[in-house]
Amino acid sequence: MTHLFILNSFAGTKDSTPELKEKIDALKLDNAVIEYTQGKGDAENIARRYAEKGEPLRVYACGGDGTANEALHGLLGFDNVALGVVPVGTGNDYVRSLPAPKEDFLDFTKMTRGKTVTVDLLKCEDRYALNVVSVGYDCEVADRAQKNKRLPLMSGPFAYKLAIVQCLLTKRKHHFTPYADGKKIPIAQGFKSQMLAVAAKGKFYGGGIKATPYAELDDGLIDFMAIPTVPISYFTWMLGPFNRGEHIDHPKGKQFILHQKCRELKLDNHGDIKIGIDGEMFVMKDPVITVVPKAFEIIIPIEN
């Protein structure tokens, strides 16, 4: 079996690849290979190049959720492959939903000896997501956060939280209509626009926000949550419950926050819409999101 480590020097707020290489070298694995990304799409191309050899392969995507998503696309359709997510990026949200402590995903000994679990994927047109597909305000926040993280002394989670504040004034109103399994989901009474919507397999996004606390990685369902355009004062108050995953059942939120499980979700925008897939931005027209059950193998670290 080949252990392929894909290192993204642009992930996070600093280049951690020298430290990562030192840890990989210390493993003294005869079948370990290190590759570096130089730009967008490289992780996908590297993963596919090794998967095409047809040998058992474990890929460790050392970066953020975007790096893991690229590697996923390079491995789709191949047998005897598994993906390990090493969270050294900005948001690092996917591992928060996996059944092991986050720090264990940074331990290469535990990762290379790890077991695998089979998880669902989300398919959005011709792209796939491990964690979330999102539209609206949060996409604007993610776009802003990518710019914030380039600022000096800016941590990944704080870059997202700062972006939340920055986008409150001008990026809150969005117009789209969701259809879950073919049935229209009406906006809550008294509201005219949507603020954000999330279709999820994992519980977290946006640098640790527990947006979909009832999502499961392997239940064969999409966990859909949407919030209409609430007043800024209300949204500011709601940030605490939203971060903790208490918003859906909160007495002040459950009357207008939409939440349900489904197998297919259509977002009718009557035109182009900005959409986030594991934090990477795309523009699509009336996208349809489906769940692909038990579609992929993810590596879970185990004790030494």
Protein backbone atom coordinates (compact mmCIF):
# COMPACT_ATOMS: atom_id res chain seq x y z
CA MET A 1 0.00 0.00 0.00
CA THR A 2 1.20 3.49 -0.90
CA HIS A 3 0.84 6.30 1.63
CA LEU A 4 0.59 9.54 -0.35
CA PHE A 5 0.91 12.79 1.59
CA ILE A 6 -0.32 15.86 -0.30
CA LEU A 7 0.99 19.03 1.32
CA ASN A 8 -0.58 22.42 0.68
CA SER A 9 1.82 25.20 1.66
CA PHE A 10 -0.90 27.83 1.14
CA ALA A 11 -3.36 26.30 3.64
CA GLY A 12 -3.92 28.11 6.93
CA THR A 13 -2.16 31.27 7.99
CA LYS A 14 1.40 29.97 7.69
CA ASP A 15 3.36 27.41 5.69
CA SER A 16 3.39 24.28 7.86
CA THR A 17 4.88 21.98 5.20
CA PRO A 18 8.45 21.87 6.66
CA GLU A 19 7.11 20.67 10.00
CA LEU A 20 4.79 18.20 8.29
CA LYS A 21 7.59 16.78 6.14
CA GLU A 22 9.74 16.29 9.23
CA LYS A 23 6.95 14.28 10.89
CA ILE A 24 6.40 12.19 7.77
CA ASP A 25 10.11 11.44 7.42
CA ALA A 26 10.21 10.36 11.06
CA LEU A 27 7.72 7.59 10.27
CA LYS A 28 10.39 5.88 8.13
CA LEU A 29 7.78 4.28 5.89
CA ASP A 30 9.27 2.64 2.81
CA ASN A 31 6.09 3.27 0.84
CA ALA A 32 5.50 6.91 1.79
CA VAL A 33 5.44 9.60 -0.91
CA ILE A 34 5.25 13.36 -0.43
CA GLU A 35 3.81 15.68 -3.07
CA TYR A 36 3.30 19.45 -2.88
CA THR A 37 0.53 21.53 -4.40
CA GLN A 38 1.39 24.69 -6.29
CA GLY A 39 -2.08 25.93 -7.14
CA LYS A 40 -5.78 25.23 -7.43
CA GLY A 41 -6.61 21.74 -8.69
CA ASP A 42 -3.19 20.26 -7.95
CA ALA A 43 -4.40 18.03 -5.10
CA GLU A 44 -7.01 16.49 -7.40
CA ASN A 45 -4.51 15.86 -10.18
CA ILE A 46 -1.91 14.39 -7.82
CA ALA A 47 -4.40 12.05 -6.15
CA ARG A 48 -5.75 10.85 -9.51
CA ARG A 49 -2.27 10.23 -10.90
CA TYR A 50 -1.47 7.82 -8.07
CA ALA A 51 -4.94 6.23 -8.02
CA GLU A 52 -4.60 5.41 -11.72
CA LYS A 53 -1.72 3.06 -10.88
CA GLY A 54 -4.31 0.63 -9.53
CA GLU A 55 -2.47 -0.20 -6.31
CA PRO A 56 -3.95 0.13 -2.79
CA LEU A 57 -3.63 3.79 -1.88
CA ARG A 58 -4.12 5.99 1.14
CA VAL A 59 -4.04 9.73 0.55
CA TYR A 60 -3.50 12.22 3.36
CA ALA A 61 -4.70 15.69 2.36
CA CYS A 62 -2.67 18.09 4.49
CA GLY A 63 -4.49 21.41 4.24
CA GLY A 64 -8.01 22.72 4.72
CA ASP A 65 -11.40 21.39 3.70
CA GLY A 66 -10.75 22.65 0.17
CA THR A 67 -7.60 20.51 -0.14
CA ALA A 68 -9.51 17.47 1.09
CA ASN A 69 -12.28 18.16 -1.42
CA GLU A 70 -9.81 18.38 -4.28
CA ALA A 71 -8.21 15.07 -3.25
CA LEU A 72 -11.67 13.51 -3.02
CA HIS A 73 -12.36 14.40 -6.66
CA GLY A 74 -9.09 12.81 -7.70
CA LEU A 75 -9.98 9.53 -5.97
CA LEU A 76 -13.63 9.17 -6.99
CA GLY A 77 -14.30 6.11 -9.12
CA PHE A 78 -11.24 4.17 -8.00
CA ASP A 79 -11.17 1.04 -5.83
CA ASN A 80 -8.80 0.38 -2.92
CA VAL A 81 -8.43 4.07 -2.07
CA ALA A 82 -9.10 6.00 1.14
CA LEU A 83 -8.71 9.62 2.16
CA GLY A 84 -7.27 11.02 5.36
CA VAL A 85 -7.95 14.64 6.26
CA VAL A 86 -5.07 16.37 8.07
CA PRO A 87 -6.53 19.67 9.36
CA VAL A 88 -3.90 22.37 8.87
CA GLY A 89 -6.12 24.79 6.93
CA THR A 90 -8.42 27.66 7.81
CA GLY A 91 -11.78 26.15 8.73
CA ASN A 92 -10.98 22.46 9.27
CA ASP A 93 -14.67 21.70 9.76
CA TYR A 94 -15.05 18.19 8.37
CA VAL A 95 -12.90 16.45 10.99
CA ARG A 96 -15.06 17.98 13.74
CA SER A 97 -17.82 15.56 12.74
CA LEU A 98 -15.57 12.50 12.48
CA PRO A 99 -15.36 10.00 15.38
CA ALA A 100 -11.93 10.94 16.76
CA PRO A 101 -10.37 13.98 18.46
CA LYS A 102 -9.15 16.65 16.06
CA GLU A 103 -5.59 16.44 17.36
CA ASP A 104 -5.41 12.75 16.41
CA PHE A 105 -5.83 13.68 12.75
CA LEU A 106 -2.55 15.60 13.08
CA ASP A 107 -0.74 12.50 14.38
CA PHE A 108 0.70 10.73 11.35
CA THR A 109 1.43 7.55 13.27
CA LYS A 110 -2.21 7.25 14.29
CA MET A 111 -3.36 8.19 10.79
CA THR A 112 -1.19 5.70 8.90
CA ARG A 113 -2.36 2.94 11.24
CA GLY A 114 -5.95 4.13 11.13
CA LYS A 115 -9.12 2.32 10.18
CA THR A 116 -11.59 3.44 7.54
CA VAL A 117 -15.26 4.33 7.74
CA THR A 118 -17.70 4.58 4.84
CA VAL A 119 -19.42 7.96 4.52
CA ASP A 120 -22.03 9.58 2.30
CA LEU A 121 -21.25 12.33 -0.18
CA LEU A 122 -23.30 15.22 -1.50
CA LYS A 123 -23.45 15.68 -5.26
CA CYS A 124 -24.15 19.16 -6.61
CA GLU A 125 -24.33 19.12 -10.39
CA ASP A 126 -20.88 17.77 -11.35
CA ARG A 127 -19.18 18.47 -8.00
CA TYR A 128 -19.12 16.49 -4.76
CA ALA A 129 -18.93 17.56 -1.13
CA LEU A 130 -17.71 15.74 1.94
CA ASN A 131 -19.17 18.27 4.36
CA VAL A 132 -21.55 21.00 3.14
CA VAL A 133 -23.10 22.76 0.19
CA SER A 134 -24.23 26.27 1.07
CA VAL A 135 -25.76 29.38 -0.48
CA GLY A 136 -26.45 32.95 0.54
CA TYR A 137 -24.84 35.04 3.21
CA ASP A 138 -22.44 32.34 4.35
CA CYS A 139 -20.92 32.12 0.86
CA GLU A 140 -20.22 35.82 1.02
CA VAL A 141 -18.68 35.27 4.45
CA ALA A 142 -16.49 32.44 3.17
CA ASP A 143 -15.31 34.60 0.29
CA ARG A 144 -14.48 37.44 2.67
CA ALA A 145 -12.80 35.06 5.13
CA GLN A 146 -10.38 33.88 2.45
CA LYS A 147 -9.25 37.48 2.09
CA ASN A 148 -9.13 38.03 5.86
CA LYS A 149 -6.86 35.08 6.49
CA ARG A 150 -4.12 36.76 4.47
CA LEU A 151 -3.96 39.54 7.06
CA PRO A 152 -1.08 39.45 9.59
CA LEU A 153 -1.70 37.49 12.81
CA MET A 154 -5.12 36.35 11.59
CA SER A 155 -6.18 32.88 12.81
CA GLY A 156 -8.51 30.76 10.70
CA PRO A 157 -11.52 30.79 13.07
CA PHE A 158 -11.19 34.53 13.71
CA ALA A 159 -11.01 35.20 9.96
CA TYR A 160 -14.47 33.66 9.62
CA LYS A 161 -15.91 35.43 12.64
CA LEU A 162 -14.62 38.80 11.39
CA ALA A 163 -16.14 38.11 7.96
CA ILE A 164 -19.51 37.46 9.61
CA VAL A 165 -19.51 41.01 10.93
CA GLN A 166 -18.19 42.54 7.71
CA CYS A 167 -20.95 41.01 5.56
CA LEU A 168 -23.86 41.79 7.85
CA LEU A 169 -24.65 45.17 6.31
CA THR A 170 -24.66 44.38 2.59
CA LYS A 171 -24.79 40.59 2.02
CA ARG A 172 -27.81 39.39 3.99
CA LYS A 173 -30.63 39.34 1.42
CA HIS A 174 -30.84 36.47 -1.08
CA HIS A 175 -33.70 35.21 -3.21
CA PHE A 176 -34.01 31.49 -3.84
CA THR A 177 -36.71 28.87 -3.30
CA PRO A 178 -35.77 25.44 -1.93
CA TYR A 179 -37.53 22.25 -2.99
CA ALA A 180 -36.96 19.17 -0.81
CA ASP A 181 -37.73 15.86 -2.56
CA GLY A 182 -39.83 17.79 -5.06
CA LYS A 183 -41.89 19.74 -2.52
CA LYS A 184 -41.56 23.51 -2.20
CA ILE A 185 -40.37 24.72 1.19
CA PRO A 186 -42.05 28.10 1.75
CA ILE A 187 -40.23 30.89 3.51
CA ALA A 188 -41.42 31.63 7.04
CA GLN A 189 -44.40 33.97 7.28
CA GLY A 190 -43.43 37.63 7.47
CA PHE A 191 -40.12 37.28 5.58
CA LYS A 192 -39.38 38.22 1.97
CA SER A 193 -35.85 36.92 1.42
CA GLN A 194 -33.50 34.19 2.58
CA MET A 195 -30.31 34.88 4.49
CA LEU A 196 -28.57 31.52 4.14
CA ALA A 197 -29.13 27.84 3.54
CA VAL A 198 -26.98 24.79 4.21
CA ALA A 199 -27.24 21.26 2.84
CA ALA A 200 -24.98 19.16 5.01
CA LYS A 201 -23.49 15.80 5.87
CA GLY A 202 -21.28 17.20 8.65
CA LYS A 203 -22.42 19.24 11.63
CA PHE A 204 -19.98 22.16 11.31
CA TYR A 205 -18.96 24.82 8.82
CA GLY A 206 -17.53 28.34 8.78
CA GLY A 207 -14.67 27.59 11.17
CA GLY A 208 -16.56 25.67 13.85
CA ILE A 209 -20.15 26.94 13.58
CA LYS A 210 -22.52 24.06 14.44
CA ALA A 211 -25.05 24.95 11.76
CA THR A 212 -26.57 21.48 11.30
CA PRO A 213 -26.36 19.71 14.67
CA TYR A 214 -28.57 16.80 13.52
CA ALA A 215 -26.52 15.94 10.43
CA GLU A 216 -25.04 12.45 10.17
CA LEU A 217 -22.21 11.39 7.89
CA ASP A 218 -23.75 8.05 6.94
CA ASP A 219 -27.56 8.22 7.28
CA GLY A 220 -28.24 8.51 3.54
CA LEU A 221 -29.94 11.89 3.96
CA ILE A 222 -29.26 15.59 3.38
CA ASP A 223 -29.63 17.73 6.47
CA PHE A 224 -31.14 21.02 5.25
CA MET A 225 -31.26 24.20 7.31
CA ALA A 226 -32.24 27.71 6.19
CA ILE A 227 -32.59 31.07 7.93
CA PRO A 228 -34.57 33.98 6.43
CA THR A 229 -33.21 37.53 6.40
CA VAL A 230 -33.62 38.50 10.04
CA PRO A 231 -32.79 41.97 11.44
CA ILE A 232 -29.14 42.58 12.24
CA SER A 233 -29.92 43.00 15.93
CA TYR A 234 -31.61 39.60 16.02
CA PHE A 235 -28.87 37.87 14.07
CA THR A 236 -26.24 39.35 16.40
CA TRP A 237 -28.10 37.88 19.35
CA MET A 238 -28.49 34.55 17.53
CA LEU A 239 -24.77 34.10 16.86
CA GLY A 240 -24.23 32.41 20.21
CA PRO A 241 -26.94 29.75 19.77
CA PHE A 242 -25.94 29.37 16.08
CA ASN A 243 -22.30 28.71 16.97
CA ARG A 244 -23.33 26.13 19.57
CA GLY A 245 -25.93 24.40 17.40
CA GLU A 246 -28.86 25.48 19.57
CA HIS A 247 -30.62 27.70 17.00
CA ILE A 248 -32.93 25.11 15.44
CA ASP A 249 -34.73 24.30 18.69
CA HIS A 250 -34.36 27.68 20.36
CA PRO A 251 -37.73 29.25 21.33
CA LYS A 252 -36.78 32.46 19.50
CA GLY A 253 -35.67 30.70 16.34
CA LYS A 254 -37.64 27.53 15.70
CA GLN A 255 -40.72 29.41 14.46
CA PHE A 256 -38.89 30.65 11.36
CA ILE A 257 -35.71 28.55 10.94
CA LEU A 258 -36.30 25.82 8.37
CA HIS A 259 -34.92 22.37 9.07
CA GLN A 260 -35.61 18.98 7.55
CA LYS A 261 -34.04 15.84 6.13
CA CYS A 262 -34.34 14.93 2.46
CA ARG A 263 -32.64 13.00 -0.34
CA GLU A 264 -32.76 15.70 -3.00
CA LEU A 265 -32.70 19.46 -2.69
CA LYS A 266 -33.23 21.95 -5.50
CA LEU A 267 -32.45 25.64 -5.11
CA ASP A 268 -34.55 27.58 -7.59
CA ASN A 269 -32.91 30.95 -8.16
CA HIS A 270 -34.21 31.65 -11.69
CA GLY A 271 -30.61 32.27 -12.71
CA ASP A 272 -27.04 32.07 -11.48
CA ILE A 273 -26.32 31.64 -7.79
CA LYS A 274 -23.07 31.65 -5.84
CA ILE A 275 -22.68 28.32 -4.11
CA GLY A 276 -20.11 27.00 -1.67
CA ILE A 277 -18.98 23.36 -1.84
CA ASP A 278 -16.80 22.50 1.13
CA GLY A 279 -15.83 26.17 1.27
CA GLU A 280 -14.88 26.51 -2.40
CA MET A 281 -16.99 28.97 -4.40
CA PHE A 282 -18.79 28.17 -7.66
CA VAL A 283 -21.54 29.83 -9.70
CA MET A 284 -24.43 27.59 -10.79
CA LYS A 285 -27.95 27.97 -12.14
CA ASP A 286 -30.76 26.39 -10.08
CA PRO A 287 -28.47 23.69 -8.63
CA VAL A 288 -29.79 20.29 -7.58
CA ILE A 289 -28.13 18.59 -4.61
CA THR A 290 -28.46 14.86 -4.03
CA VAL A 291 -27.01 12.46 -1.47
CA VAL A 292 -24.81 9.55 -2.55
CA PRO A 293 -25.06 6.98 0.28
CA LYS A 294 -22.04 4.99 1.46
CA ALA A 295 -19.93 6.41 -1.32
CA PHE A 296 -16.41 6.87 0.03
CA GLU A 297 -13.80 5.64 2.53
CA ILE A 298 -12.39 8.08 5.12
CA ILE A 299 -9.42 7.27 7.36
CA ILE A 300 -9.97 7.54 11.12
CA PRO A 301 -6.85 7.64 13.35
CA ILE A 302 -6.43 4.97 16.01
CA GLU A 303 -4.30 4.81 19.15
CA ASN A 304 -0.73 3.60 18.79
